[in-house]
Amino acid sequence: MSFSDDEIERYARHLVLSEVGGPGQQRLKAARIAIVGMGGVGGPAALYLAAAGVGSLRLIDDDAVGLSNLQRQIAFATPDLGRAKVEAGAEALTALNPHVHVEPAAERLTGDNAARLIEGCDAVVDGTDDFTARFAVNAACVAAGVPLVSGALGRWNGQVGVFTGRPCYRCLIAETPPDAETCARVGVIGALAGVIGSMAAVEAIKLVVGAGAPLAGRLLIYDGLAGTARTVAVTADPGCPVCG
């Protein structure tokens, strides 16, 4: 797979990086990554994956851009208000890198369509705040053998984990928490979305190029208010209904 002169200059800082280089950049160009939820996590992740030269990005979201989104969802601008997030997002990603093929899917991911929506993908980034969707994409990824990068945030805290089979996301969260918090209910500092989305993009890039040690079976927890981060192990649940 060859690169144009534009691509060589565009990806110059990757090409001189020993863990990426030409072979890694070729793997990125050949890859397809799904972004489930073009919100606070998915938007920044998509921007950095497009900038990195991922060949195809599949954007999965059925929502429209609202004014309250703009405080943290940096893939959108004021003129995008009312537009489908996948359409506005596709336009932003193409403007950032015209070499990236964007596949908008204006659908809400469910247990019925999850397998179809992630078909052909090399990795999935899930940034939704809906546990039904999170469980559905996890089950589909386990069944298809596709790595899942999961990011979540609220208030001043965020987390990123990678699930490559067993343990899976359902081992971490067995059931929907009765007191599950959403950004709409408890608030979130806008810049935190960029931190967690960028971390998710880094993990997806590592998975594609085979660099370093992905957060497989681990969860990185970031406390923005304290300025600290820690990593904890995720234990496989022998009774997990998905991977057990």
Foldseek 3Di string as FASTA:
>chain_A
DDDDPVVCVLQVVQQPDPLQRPVLLVLQLVFEEEEQDLALQRQLLLQVSLSSNRAEYEYEEQDADDPVRVQANVLDDPVRHPPQSLVSNVVSSCVNPVNHHYHYDNHHAALVCLLVSCPPHQAYEYEDLDVRNVVSNQLNCLVVQHKYWYKYDEAQKIKIAIERHPPTVCLVPVDDDPPRDDCVRHNYNRCVSNVRNVLSNVLVSCSSSVDDDHRYQKMWMAGRVVRDIDIDGRHGDPPRPRRD
